[in-house]
Amino acid sequence: MILVAGSVSFDHIMDFPGKFSEHILPEKIHLINLSFEVDTLKKERGGTGANICYSLALFGEKPKLLATVGEDFAKYRYHLEKYGVDTSLTKAVPYEFTSSFYVITDKDDNQIGGFYQGAMKHAAELSVKEAKPNKNDYVVIAPTEVTAMVKYAKECNEVGVKYMFDPGMQLPRFTDKELWEGVKGADILIGNDYEISVIRKRLSKENGDLLRDVGILITTMGGKGSVIERHVDSEKHEFLEIPSAKEKEIIDPTGAGDAFRAGFLVGYLNKKDLVTSGKMGNLCATYCIEKYGTTNHEFTRAEFKKRYKENFVEELAI
């Protein structure tokens, strides 16, 4: 079983035809008062937990989603279940709306966003233990309410279940102590290059030191691929640069990181080596950026394997 604990939200995605950098003056950074006229607005299904579950399901996995949602979740629940996501642990909170994310993307794929918690603020009322996990199961702790994330990490350590820790967009909300509670027992710590730099600085750890506290460190680099590191022993530190996959076109980068996590985990949990798993993550992310929204891309296993071979000139057995 793969249990994914994370947010569920509706994403309001807007496209700005210019560059943010042309309108933000460094000397006036303390007095920002800007309005961007956008070309498009779409309301899409999103949320880190739901996004990861959706892409896992495309591979034929049956992930369980642990999350709190609002009374407006019914159609979204149907969409996830149609693709094979188990939502039995996804709890609707009376008189609440599902969380909402509002994001503007410029033509360089930079993003400015705002997030409304809604039902997510009740996430700590849930428990990883509700899923009755055993040592053969795996938990993904994706961005959701911070108290809940710390609680889930503690529960994983208590029951001896491996987990991926992904503080992501919630990093600013963690205290250093809370961040350390999530990081120290993780099998995998993942984030983009900026987030990993912030974690290292806040915990006063360089990569080598951080790798003594987590099993694997993954840094996603957007269009540049990803880097996977592992501390093997006192004399060996693996540093693996994983190439990106070629996109047909870039439509919307929102959710690419969540798709990466799903693709990587399918490889990793099926005993693929780290390089192969990383390539699977990068390719899954590529499918996502070719569609608007975060749960609209599709592929079959056969299609994924074919495109994997086209990109990396090697067969993929999944």
C-alpha atoms as a PDB file:
ATOM      1  CA  MET A   1       0.000   0.000   0.000  1.00  0.00           C
ATOM      2  CA  ILE A   2       1.080   3.538  -0.778  1.00  0.00           C
ATOM      3  CA  LEU A   3      -0.562   6.038   1.569  1.00  0.00           C
ATOM      4  CA  VAL A   4      -0.363   9.672   0.452  1.00  0.00           C
ATOM      5  CA  ALA A   5      -1.029  12.295   3.118  1.00  0.00           C
ATOM      6  CA  GLY A   6      -1.297  15.732   1.557  1.00  0.00           C
ATOM      7  CA  SER A   7      -3.553  18.545   0.477  1.00  0.00           C
ATOM      8  CA  VAL A   8      -6.517  18.473  -1.859  1.00  0.00           C
ATOM      9  CA  SER A   9      -7.396  21.751  -3.517  1.00  0.00           C
ATOM     10  CA  PHE A  10      -8.889  23.502  -6.467  1.00  0.00           C
ATOM     11  CA  ASP A  11      -6.258  25.320  -8.526  1.00  0.00           C
ATOM     12  CA  HIS A  12      -7.144  28.621 -10.156  1.00  0.00           C
ATOM     13  CA  ILE A  13      -4.470  28.926 -12.844  1.00  0.00           C
ATOM     14  CA  MET A  14      -3.758  32.215 -14.620  1.00  0.00           C
ATOM     15  CA  ASP A  15      -1.251  33.021 -17.361  1.00  0.00           C
ATOM     16  CA  PHE A  16       0.558  36.363 -17.505  1.00  0.00           C
ATOM     17  CA  PRO A  17       1.990  37.034 -21.004  1.00  0.00           C
ATOM     18  CA  GLY A  18       4.984  39.039 -19.735  1.00  0.00           C
ATOM     19  CA  LYS A  19       7.796  38.585 -17.212  1.00  0.00           C
ATOM     20  CA  PHE A  20       7.456  39.349 -13.521  1.00  0.00           C
ATOM     21  CA  SER A  21      11.071  40.524 -13.488  1.00  0.00           C
ATOM     22  CA  GLU A  22      10.181  43.418 -15.778  1.00  0.00           C
ATOM     23  CA  HIS A  23       7.690  44.789 -13.246  1.00  0.00           C
ATOM     24  CA  ILE A  24       9.372  44.152  -9.888  1.00  0.00           C
ATOM     25  CA  LEU A  25      11.929  46.798  -8.921  1.00  0.00           C
ATOM     26  CA  PRO A  26      14.576  45.455  -6.518  1.00  0.00           C
ATOM     27  CA  GLU A  27      14.919  48.812  -4.767  1.00  0.00           C
ATOM     28  CA  LYS A  28      11.153  48.827  -4.102  1.00  0.00           C
ATOM     29  CA  ILE A  29      10.821  45.235  -2.970  1.00  0.00           C
ATOM     30  CA  HIS A  30       9.517  46.430   0.421  1.00  0.00           C
ATOM     31  CA  LEU A  31       6.667  48.374  -1.227  1.00  0.00           C
ATOM     32  CA  ILE A  32       5.236  45.975  -3.786  1.00  0.00           C
ATOM     33  CA  ASN A  33       1.816  46.957  -5.118  1.00  0.00           C
ATOM     34  CA  LEU A  34       1.265  45.192  -8.427  1.00  0.00           C
ATOM     35  CA  SER A  35      -1.611  43.910 -10.506  1.00  0.00           C
ATOM     36  CA  PHE A  36      -1.061  41.565 -13.446  1.00  0.00           C
ATOM     37  CA  GLU A  37      -3.594  41.330 -16.261  1.00  0.00           C
ATOM     38  CA  VAL A  38      -3.772  37.673 -17.273  1.00  0.00           C
ATOM     39  CA  ASP A  39      -4.726  36.029 -20.556  1.00  0.00           C
ATOM     40  CA  THR A  40      -6.327  32.861 -19.227  1.00  0.00           C
ATOM     41  CA  LEU A  41      -8.081  31.604 -16.114  1.00  0.00           C
ATOM     42  CA  LYS A  42      -8.889  27.968 -15.501  1.00  0.00           C
ATOM     43  CA  LYS A  43     -10.185  26.199 -12.421  1.00  0.00           C
ATOM     44  CA  GLU A  44      -8.560  22.795 -12.120  1.00  0.00           C
ATOM     45  CA  ARG A  45      -8.404  19.935  -9.658  1.00  0.00           C
ATOM     46  CA  GLY A  46      -5.206  19.995  -7.603  1.00  0.00           C
ATOM     47  CA  GLY A  47      -3.568  19.621  -4.218  1.00  0.00           C
ATOM     48  CA  THR A  48      -0.301  17.827  -3.522  1.00  0.00           C
ATOM     49  CA  GLY A  49      -1.846  14.660  -2.104  1.00  0.00           C
ATOM     50  CA  ALA A  50      -4.433  14.281  -4.839  1.00  0.00           C
ATOM     51  CA  ASN A  51      -1.910  15.100  -7.578  1.00  0.00           C
ATOM     52  CA  ILE A  52       0.529  12.419  -6.428  1.00  0.00           C
ATOM     53  CA  CYS A  53      -2.247   9.851  -6.036  1.00  0.00           C
ATOM     54  CA  TYR A  54      -3.586  10.572  -9.517  1.00  0.00           C
ATOM     55  CA  SER A  55      -0.237   9.986 -11.236  1.00  0.00           C
ATOM     56  CA  LEU A  56       0.397   6.867  -9.146  1.00  0.00           C
ATOM     57  CA  ALA A  57      -2.946   5.522 -10.319  1.00  0.00           C
ATOM     58  CA  LEU A  58      -1.979   6.032 -13.974  1.00  0.00           C
ATOM     59  CA  PHE A  59       0.731   3.406 -13.422  1.00  0.00           C
ATOM     60  CA  GLY A  60      -1.847   0.982 -12.055  1.00  0.00           C
ATOM     61  CA  GLU A  61      -1.093   1.604  -8.386  1.00  0.00           C
ATOM     62  CA  LYS A  62      -3.987   1.835  -5.889  1.00  0.00           C
ATOM     63  CA  PRO A  63      -2.874   4.662  -3.587  1.00  0.00           C
ATOM     64  CA  LYS A  64      -4.864   5.720  -0.536  1.00  0.00           C
ATOM     65  CA  LEU A  65      -5.409   9.445  -0.062  1.00  0.00           C
ATOM     66  CA  LEU A  66      -5.364  10.733   3.528  1.00  0.00           C
ATOM     67  CA  ALA A  67      -6.775  14.254   3.462  1.00  0.00           C
ATOM     68  CA  THR A  68      -9.543  16.574   4.624  1.00  0.00           C
ATOM     69  CA  VAL A  69     -11.812  18.157   2.026  1.00  0.00           C
ATOM     70  CA  GLY A  70     -14.874  20.380   1.875  1.00  0.00           C
ATOM     71  CA  GLU A  71     -18.480  19.768   0.977  1.00  0.00           C
ATOM     72  CA  ASP A  72     -17.641  20.756  -2.619  1.00  0.00           C
ATOM     73  CA  PHE A  73     -15.439  17.692  -3.180  1.00  0.00           C
ATOM     74  CA  ALA A  74     -17.972  15.218  -4.632  1.00  0.00           C
ATOM     75  CA  LYS A  75     -17.106  15.584  -8.329  1.00  0.00           C
ATOM     76  CA  TYR A  76     -13.381  15.575  -7.559  1.00  0.00           C
ATOM     77  CA  ARG A  77     -13.770  12.409  -5.491  1.00  0.00           C
ATOM     78  CA  TYR A  78     -15.507  10.726  -8.436  1.00  0.00           C
ATOM     79  CA  HIS A  79     -12.669  11.774 -10.771  1.00  0.00           C
ATOM     80  CA  LEU A  80      -9.981  10.279  -8.509  1.00  0.00           C
ATOM     81  CA  GLU A  81     -11.876   7.067  -7.855  1.00  0.00           C
ATOM     82  CA  LYS A  82     -12.507   6.612 -11.578  1.00  0.00           C
ATOM     83  CA  TYR A  83      -8.744   6.382 -12.096  1.00  0.00           C
ATOM     84  CA  GLY A  84      -8.196   4.020  -9.155  1.00  0.00           C
ATOM     85  CA  VAL A  85      -7.454   6.252  -6.153  1.00  0.00           C
ATOM     86  CA  ASP A  86      -8.812   4.964  -2.828  1.00  0.00           C
ATOM     87  CA  THR A  87     -10.542   7.919  -1.093  1.00  0.00           C
ATOM     88  CA  SER A  88     -11.933   5.977   1.864  1.00  0.00           C
ATOM     89  CA  LEU A  89      -9.602   7.934   4.186  1.00  0.00           C
ATOM     90  CA  THR A  90     -10.463  11.294   2.587  1.00  0.00           C
ATOM     91  CA  LYS A  91     -12.763  13.019   5.072  1.00  0.00           C
ATOM     92  CA  ALA A  92     -15.282  15.728   4.158  1.00  0.00           C
ATOM     93  CA  VAL A  93     -15.528  18.493   6.783  1.00  0.00           C
ATOM     94  CA  PRO A  94     -19.043  19.926   7.209  1.00  0.00           C
ATOM     95  CA  TYR A  95     -19.523  23.609   6.343  1.00  0.00           C
ATOM     96  CA  GLU A  96     -16.027  23.951   4.872  1.00  0.00           C
ATOM     97  CA  PHE A  97     -14.744  24.514   1.343  1.00  0.00           C
ATOM     98  CA  THR A  98     -11.958  22.432  -0.156  1.00  0.00           C
ATOM     99  CA  SER A  99      -8.627  24.297  -0.103  1.00  0.00           C
ATOM    100  CA  SER A 100      -7.942  26.651  -3.010  1.00  0.00           C
ATOM    101  CA  PHE A 101      -4.704  27.661  -4.734  1.00  0.00           C
ATOM    102  CA  TYR A 102      -4.497  30.794  -6.885  1.00  0.00           C
ATOM    103  CA  VAL A 103      -1.417  31.024  -9.105  1.00  0.00           C
ATOM    104  CA  ILE A 104      -0.155  33.336 -11.857  1.00  0.00           C
ATOM    105  CA  THR A 105       2.530  32.001 -14.211  1.00  0.00           C
ATOM    106  CA  ASP A 106       4.649  34.291 -16.402  1.00  0.00           C
ATOM    107  CA  LYS A 107       6.163  33.364 -19.757  1.00  0.00           C
ATOM    108  CA  ASP A 108       9.411  32.235 -18.086  1.00  0.00           C
ATOM    109  CA  ASP A 109       7.395  29.773 -15.968  1.00  0.00           C
ATOM    110  CA  ASN A 110       7.935  31.804 -12.790  1.00  0.00           C
ATOM    111  CA  GLN A 111       4.966  31.630 -10.462  1.00  0.00           C
ATOM    112  CA  ILE A 112       3.308  33.790  -7.796  1.00  0.00           C
ATOM    113  CA  GLY A 113       0.619  32.051  -5.803  1.00  0.00           C
ATOM    114  CA  GLY A 114      -1.688  32.272  -2.838  1.00  0.00           C
ATOM    115  CA  PHE A 115      -3.236  29.393  -0.880  1.00  0.00           C
ATOM    116  CA  TYR A 116      -6.450  29.251   1.176  1.00  0.00           C
ATOM    117  CA  GLN A 117      -6.473  26.367   3.674  1.00  0.00           C
ATOM    118  CA  GLY A 118     -10.205  25.747   4.002  1.00  0.00           C
ATOM    119  CA  ALA A 119     -10.811  22.148   5.094  1.00  0.00           C
ATOM    120  CA  MET A 120      -7.077  21.466   5.157  1.00  0.00           C
ATOM    121  CA  LYS A 121      -6.782  23.123   8.561  1.00  0.00           C
ATOM    122  CA  HIS A 122      -8.476  20.016   9.979  1.00  0.00           C
ATOM    123  CA  ALA A 123      -5.826  17.635   8.592  1.00  0.00           C
ATOM    124  CA  ALA A 124      -4.274  17.002  12.013  1.00  0.00           C
ATOM    125  CA  GLU A 125      -7.544  15.353  13.065  1.00  0.00           C
ATOM    126  CA  LEU A 126      -6.587  12.450  10.791  1.00  0.00           C
ATOM    127  CA  SER A 127      -3.988   9.780  11.518  1.00  0.00           C
ATOM    128  CA  VAL A 128      -1.658   7.609   9.464  1.00  0.00           C
ATOM    129  CA  LYS A 129      -2.616   4.806  11.826  1.00  0.00           C
ATOM    130  CA  GLU A 130      -6.155   4.812  10.370  1.00  0.00           C
ATOM    131  CA  ALA A 131      -4.707   2.994   7.350  1.00  0.00           C
ATOM    132  CA  LYS A 132      -3.225   0.278   9.586  1.00  0.00           C
ATOM    133  CA  PRO A 133       0.149   0.380   7.772  1.00  0.00           C
ATOM    134  CA  ASN A 134       2.773  -2.326   8.128  1.00  0.00           C
ATOM    135  CA  LYS A 135       6.499  -2.349   7.402  1.00  0.00           C
ATOM    136  CA  ASN A 136       5.918  -3.252   3.746  1.00  0.00           C
ATOM    137  CA  ASP A 137       3.794  -0.163   3.124  1.00  0.00           C
ATOM    138  CA  TYR A 138       5.030   3.303   2.233  1.00  0.00           C
ATOM    139  CA  VAL A 139       3.825   6.764   3.235  1.00  0.00           C
ATOM    140  CA  VAL A 140       4.220  10.045   1.374  1.00  0.00           C
ATOM    141  CA  ILE A 141       3.954  13.123   3.604  1.00  0.00           C
ATOM    142  CA  ALA A 142       3.250  15.882   1.108  1.00  0.00           C
ATOM    143  CA  PRO A 143       2.499  19.542   1.906  1.00  0.00           C
ATOM    144  CA  THR A 144      -0.622  19.968   4.026  1.00  0.00           C
ATOM    145  CA  GLU A 145      -1.274  21.597   7.401  1.00  0.00           C
ATOM    146  CA  VAL A 146       2.073  21.715   9.254  1.00  0.00           C
ATOM    147  CA  THR A 147       0.901  20.251  12.561  1.00  0.00           C
ATOM    148  CA  ALA A 148      -0.531  17.334  10.628  1.00  0.00           C
ATOM    149  CA  MET A 149       2.718  16.758   8.715  1.00  0.00           C
ATOM    150  CA  VAL A 150       4.717  16.618  11.950  1.00  0.00           C
ATOM    151  CA  LYS A 151       2.134  14.262  13.457  1.00  0.00           C
ATOM    152  CA  TYR A 152       2.224  11.932  10.440  1.00  0.00           C
ATOM    153  CA  ALA A 153       6.042  11.754  10.534  1.00  0.00           C
ATOM    154  CA  LYS A 154       5.967  10.907  14.231  1.00  0.00           C
ATOM    155  CA  GLU A 155       3.381   8.186  13.612  1.00  0.00           C
ATOM    156  CA  CYS A 156       5.435   6.673  10.796  1.00  0.00           C
ATOM    157  CA  ASN A 157       8.445   6.461  13.092  1.00  0.00           C
ATOM    158  CA  GLU A 158       6.297   4.929  15.852  1.00  0.00           C
ATOM    159  CA  VAL A 159       4.927   2.133  13.653  1.00  0.00           C
ATOM    160  CA  GLY A 160       8.159   1.622  11.684  1.00  0.00           C
ATOM    161  CA  VAL A 161       6.882   2.621   8.246  1.00  0.00           C
ATOM    162  CA  LYS A 162       9.179   4.284   5.716  1.00  0.00           C
ATOM    163  CA  TYR A 163       8.133   7.672   4.408  1.00  0.00           C
ATOM    164  CA  MET A 164       8.983  10.394   1.929  1.00  0.00           C
ATOM    165  CA  PHE A 165       9.017  13.853   3.521  1.00  0.00           C
ATOM    166  CA  ASP A 166       8.150  16.762   1.269  1.00  0.00           C
ATOM    167  CA  PRO A 167       7.759  20.085   3.159  1.00  0.00           C
ATOM    168  CA  GLY A 168       7.500  22.038  -0.120  1.00  0.00           C
ATOM    169  CA  MET A 169       5.332  25.143  -0.066  1.00  0.00           C
ATOM    170  CA  GLN A 170       4.793  24.796   3.689  1.00  0.00           C
ATOM    171  CA  LEU A 171       8.472  25.385   4.513  1.00  0.00           C
ATOM    172  CA  PRO A 172       7.922  28.971   5.757  1.00  0.00           C
ATOM    173  CA  ARG A 173       5.309  27.701   8.233  1.00  0.00           C
ATOM    174  CA  PHE A 174       7.566  25.142   9.927  1.00  0.00           C
ATOM    175  CA  THR A 175       9.559  26.056  12.994  1.00  0.00           C
ATOM    176  CA  ASP A 176      13.103  24.674  12.865  1.00  0.00           C
ATOM    177  CA  LYS A 177      12.126  22.090  15.486  1.00  0.00           C
ATOM    178  CA  GLU A 178       9.086  20.952  13.491  1.00  0.00           C
ATOM    179  CA  LEU A 179      11.148  20.756  10.316  1.00  0.00           C
ATOM    180  CA  TRP A 180      13.742  18.593  12.043  1.00  0.00           C
ATOM    181  CA  GLU A 181      11.013  16.277  13.391  1.00  0.00           C
ATOM    182  CA  GLY A 182       9.891  15.576   9.833  1.00  0.00           C
ATOM    183  CA  VAL A 183      13.339  15.311   8.282  1.00  0.00           C
ATOM    184  CA  LYS A 184      15.223  13.192  10.787  1.00  0.00           C
ATOM    185  CA  GLY A 185      13.380   9.925  10.245  1.00  0.00           C
ATOM    186  CA  ALA A 186      12.657  10.214   6.536  1.00  0.00           C
ATOM    187  CA  ASP A 187      13.590   7.510   4.074  1.00  0.00           C
ATOM    188  CA  ILE A 188      13.473  10.183   1.353  1.00  0.00           C
ATOM    189  CA  LEU A 189      13.664  13.964   1.660  1.00  0.00           C
ATOM    190  CA  ILE A 190      12.580  15.777  -1.495  1.00  0.00           C
ATOM    191  CA  GLY A 191      12.304  19.365  -2.664  1.00  0.00           C
ATOM    192  CA  ASN A 192      13.316  21.711  -5.451  1.00  0.00           C
ATOM    193  CA  ASP A 193      16.766  23.288  -5.431  1.00  0.00           C
ATOM    194  CA  TYR A 194      15.571  26.373  -3.546  1.00  0.00           C
ATOM    195  CA  GLU A 195      13.705  24.356  -0.910  1.00  0.00           C
ATOM    196  CA  ILE A 196      16.629  22.012  -0.247  1.00  0.00           C
ATOM    197  CA  SER A 197      18.929  25.029   0.142  1.00  0.00           C
ATOM    198  CA  VAL A 198      16.533  26.520   2.708  1.00  0.00           C
ATOM    199  CA  ILE A 199      16.335  23.231   4.615  1.00  0.00           C
ATOM    200  CA  ARG A 200      20.127  22.937   4.738  1.00  0.00           C
ATOM    201  CA  LYS A 201      20.470  26.493   6.002  1.00  0.00           C
ATOM    202  CA  ARG A 202      17.741  26.227   8.620  1.00  0.00           C
ATOM    203  CA  LEU A 203      19.029  22.917   9.970  1.00  0.00           C
ATOM    204  CA  SER A 204      22.692  24.009   9.651  1.00  0.00           C
ATOM    205  CA  LYS A 205      23.516  21.013   7.509  1.00  0.00           C
ATOM    206  CA  GLU A 206      25.315  20.712   4.216  1.00  0.00           C
ATOM    207  CA  ASN A 207      24.327  17.907   1.843  1.00  0.00           C
ATOM    208  CA  GLY A 208      26.761  15.438   3.361  1.00  0.00           C
ATOM    209  CA  ASP A 209      25.483  16.031   6.898  1.00  0.00           C
ATOM    210  CA  LEU A 210      21.857  15.958   5.798  1.00  0.00           C
ATOM    211  CA  LEU A 211      22.412  12.604   4.122  1.00  0.00           C
ATOM    212  CA  ARG A 212      23.369  11.068   7.448  1.00  0.00           C
ATOM    213  CA  ASP A 213      19.874  11.824   8.724  1.00  0.00           C
ATOM    214  CA  VAL A 214      17.809  10.735   5.703  1.00  0.00           C
ATOM    215  CA  GLY A 215      18.149   7.749   3.412  1.00  0.00           C
ATOM    216  CA  ILE A 216      17.937   9.585   0.091  1.00  0.00           C
ATOM    217  CA  LEU A 217      17.967  13.279  -0.820  1.00  0.00           C
ATOM    218  CA  ILE A 218      16.242  14.305  -4.050  1.00  0.00           C
ATOM    219  CA  THR A 219      16.567  17.782  -5.539  1.00  0.00           C
ATOM    220  CA  THR A 220      14.333  18.582  -8.491  1.00  0.00           C
ATOM    221  CA  MET A 221      15.724  21.107 -10.966  1.00  0.00           C
ATOM    222  CA  GLY A 222      12.791  21.848 -13.264  1.00  0.00           C
ATOM    223  CA  GLY A 223      13.806  21.628 -16.913  1.00  0.00           C
ATOM    224  CA  LYS A 224      17.343  20.647 -15.878  1.00  0.00           C
ATOM    225  CA  GLY A 225      16.250  17.299 -14.512  1.00  0.00           C
ATOM    226  CA  SER A 226      16.972  16.201 -10.970  1.00  0.00           C
ATOM    227  CA  VAL A 227      19.765  15.198  -8.599  1.00  0.00           C
ATOM    228  CA  ILE A 228      19.590  12.166  -6.311  1.00  0.00           C
ATOM    229  CA  GLU A 229      22.052  11.718  -3.458  1.00  0.00           C
ATOM    230  CA  ARG A 230      22.646   8.902  -1.010  1.00  0.00           C
ATOM    231  CA  HIS A 231      25.151   8.459   1.804  1.00  0.00           C
ATOM    232  CA  VAL A 232      26.409   4.901   1.425  1.00  0.00           C
ATOM    233  CA  ASP A 233      29.151   4.852   4.061  1.00  0.00           C
ATOM    234  CA  SER A 234      31.916   7.049   5.467  1.00  0.00           C
ATOM    235  CA  GLU A 235      33.831   6.833   2.197  1.00  0.00           C
ATOM    236  CA  LYS A 236      31.045   6.817  -0.404  1.00  0.00           C
ATOM    237  CA  HIS A 237      28.496   9.480  -1.287  1.00  0.00           C
ATOM    238  CA  GLU A 238      26.427   8.848  -4.399  1.00  0.00           C
ATOM    239  CA  PHE A 239      25.658  11.943  -6.476  1.00  0.00           C
ATOM    240  CA  LEU A 240      23.450  11.096  -9.443  1.00  0.00           C
ATOM    241  CA  GLU A 241      22.462  13.663 -12.056  1.00  0.00           C
ATOM    242  CA  ILE A 242      19.250  12.567 -13.763  1.00  0.00           C
ATOM    243  CA  PRO A 243      18.513  14.008 -17.233  1.00  0.00           C
ATOM    244  CA  SER A 244      15.157  15.555 -18.006  1.00  0.00           C
ATOM    245  CA  ALA A 245      12.747  14.130 -20.570  1.00  0.00           C
ATOM    246  CA  LYS A 246      11.885  16.045 -23.735  1.00  0.00           C
ATOM    247  CA  GLU A 247       8.498  17.725 -23.615  1.00  0.00           C
ATOM    248  CA  LYS A 248       6.293  18.023 -26.705  1.00  0.00           C
ATOM    249  CA  GLU A 249       5.256  21.478 -25.520  1.00  0.00           C
ATOM    250  CA  ILE A 250       5.099  23.341 -22.225  1.00  0.00           C
ATOM    251  CA  ILE A 251       1.536  24.274 -21.360  1.00  0.00           C
ATOM    252  CA  ASP A 252       1.506  24.565 -17.566  1.00  0.00           C
ATOM    253  CA  PRO A 253       4.253  23.644 -15.055  1.00  0.00           C
ATOM    254  CA  THR A 254       1.864  23.464 -12.097  1.00  0.00           C
ATOM    255  CA  GLY A 255       1.978  20.012 -10.483  1.00  0.00           C
ATOM    256  CA  ALA A 256       5.081  18.782 -12.297  1.00  0.00           C
ATOM    257  CA  GLY A 257       6.848  18.177  -8.993  1.00  0.00           C
ATOM    258  CA  ASP A 258       3.997  16.037  -7.725  1.00  0.00           C
ATOM    259  CA  ALA A 259       4.051  13.991 -10.935  1.00  0.00           C
ATOM    260  CA  PHE A 260       7.813  13.509 -10.481  1.00  0.00           C
ATOM    261  CA  ARG A 261       7.233  12.113  -7.002  1.00  0.00           C
ATOM    262  CA  ALA A 262       4.736   9.591  -8.325  1.00  0.00           C
ATOM    263  CA  GLY A 263       6.926   8.445 -11.192  1.00  0.00           C
ATOM    264  CA  PHE A 264       9.973   8.132  -8.956  1.00  0.00           C
ATOM    265  CA  LEU A 265       8.087   6.157  -6.311  1.00  0.00           C
ATOM    266  CA  VAL A 266       6.714   3.642  -8.813  1.00  0.00           C
ATOM    267  CA  GLY A 267      10.273   2.863  -9.853  1.00  0.00           C
ATOM    268  CA  TYR A 268      11.754   2.992  -6.357  1.00  0.00           C
ATOM    269  CA  LEU A 269       9.089   0.815  -4.725  1.00  0.00           C
ATOM    270  CA  ASN A 270       9.367  -1.708  -7.562  1.00  0.00           C
ATOM    271  CA  LYS A 271      13.100  -2.119  -6.865  1.00  0.00           C
ATOM    272  CA  LYS A 272      14.408  -0.067  -9.779  1.00  0.00           C
ATOM    273  CA  ASP A 273      17.785   1.609  -9.297  1.00  0.00           C
ATOM    274  CA  LEU A 274      17.833   5.304  -8.393  1.00  0.00           C
ATOM    275  CA  VAL A 275      18.795   6.480 -11.875  1.00  0.00           C
ATOM    276  CA  THR A 276      15.930   4.593 -13.524  1.00  0.00           C
ATOM    277  CA  SER A 277      13.509   5.773 -10.839  1.00  0.00           C
ATOM    278  CA  GLY A 278      14.672   9.369 -11.338  1.00  0.00           C
ATOM    279  CA  LYS A 279      14.172   9.120 -15.082  1.00  0.00           C
ATOM    280  CA  MET A 280      10.678   7.780 -14.493  1.00  0.00           C
ATOM    281  CA  GLY A 281       9.981  10.764 -12.270  1.00  0.00           C
ATOM    282  CA  ASN A 282      11.273  13.247 -14.831  1.00  0.00           C
ATOM    283  CA  LEU A 283       9.217  11.668 -17.616  1.00  0.00           C
ATOM    284  CA  CYS A 284       6.050  11.609 -15.519  1.00  0.00           C
ATOM    285  CA  ALA A 285       6.573  15.317 -14.777  1.00  0.00           C
ATOM    286  CA  THR A 286       6.877  15.965 -18.515  1.00  0.00           C
ATOM    287  CA  TYR A 287       3.448  14.451 -19.147  1.00  0.00           C
ATOM    288  CA  CYS A 288       2.027  16.826 -16.540  1.00  0.00           C
ATOM    289  CA  ILE A 289       3.463  20.065 -17.962  1.00  0.00           C
ATOM    290  CA  GLU A 290       2.003  19.248 -21.378  1.00  0.00           C
ATOM    291  CA  LYS A 291      -1.541  19.729 -20.029  1.00  0.00           C
ATOM    292  CA  TYR A 292      -3.375  22.452 -18.169  1.00  0.00           C
ATOM    293  CA  GLY A 293      -3.987  21.470 -14.579  1.00  0.00           C
ATOM    294  CA  THR A 294      -2.429  18.755 -12.478  1.00  0.00           C
ATOM    295  CA  THR A 295      -4.769  15.780 -12.943  1.00  0.00           C
ATOM    296  CA  ASN A 296      -5.515  15.979 -16.657  1.00  0.00           C
ATOM    297  CA  HIS A 297      -2.530  14.154 -18.187  1.00  0.00           C
ATOM    298  CA  GLU A 298      -2.940  10.517 -19.123  1.00  0.00           C
ATOM    299  CA  PHE A 299      -0.800   7.618 -20.283  1.00  0.00           C
ATOM    300  CA  THR A 300      -0.883   3.843 -20.342  1.00  0.00           C
ATOM    301  CA  ARG A 301       2.040   1.742 -19.163  1.00  0.00           C
ATOM    302  CA  ALA A 302       2.812   0.853 -22.770  1.00  0.00           C
ATOM    303  CA  GLU A 303       2.850   4.513 -23.797  1.00  0.00           C
ATOM    304  CA  PHE A 304       5.075   5.404 -20.858  1.00  0.00           C
ATOM    305  CA  LYS A 305       7.551   2.623 -21.662  1.00  0.00           C
ATOM    306  CA  LYS A 306       7.683   3.655 -25.322  1.00  0.00           C
ATOM    307  CA  ARG A 307       8.372   7.284 -24.487  1.00  0.00           C
ATOM    308  CA  TYR A 308      10.918   6.282 -21.849  1.00  0.00           C
ATOM    309  CA  LYS A 309      12.884   4.395 -24.493  1.00  0.00           C
ATOM    310  CA  GLU A 310      12.650   7.342 -26.898  1.00  0.00           C
ATOM    311  CA  ASN A 311      14.082   9.681 -24.269  1.00  0.00           C
ATOM    312  CA  PHE A 312      16.661   7.519 -22.533  1.00  0.00           C
ATOM    313  CA  VAL A 313      17.525   4.912 -25.201  1.00  0.00           C
ATOM    314  CA  GLU A 314      16.883   1.955 -22.920  1.00  0.00           C
ATOM    315  CA  GLU A 315      14.042  -0.414 -22.178  1.00  0.00           C
ATOM    316  CA  LEU A 316      11.907   0.043 -19.072  1.00  0.00           C
ATOM    317  CA  ALA A 317      10.340  -3.026 -17.469  1.00  0.00           C
ATOM    318  CA  ILE A 318       7.387  -2.073 -15.288  1.00  0.00           C
END
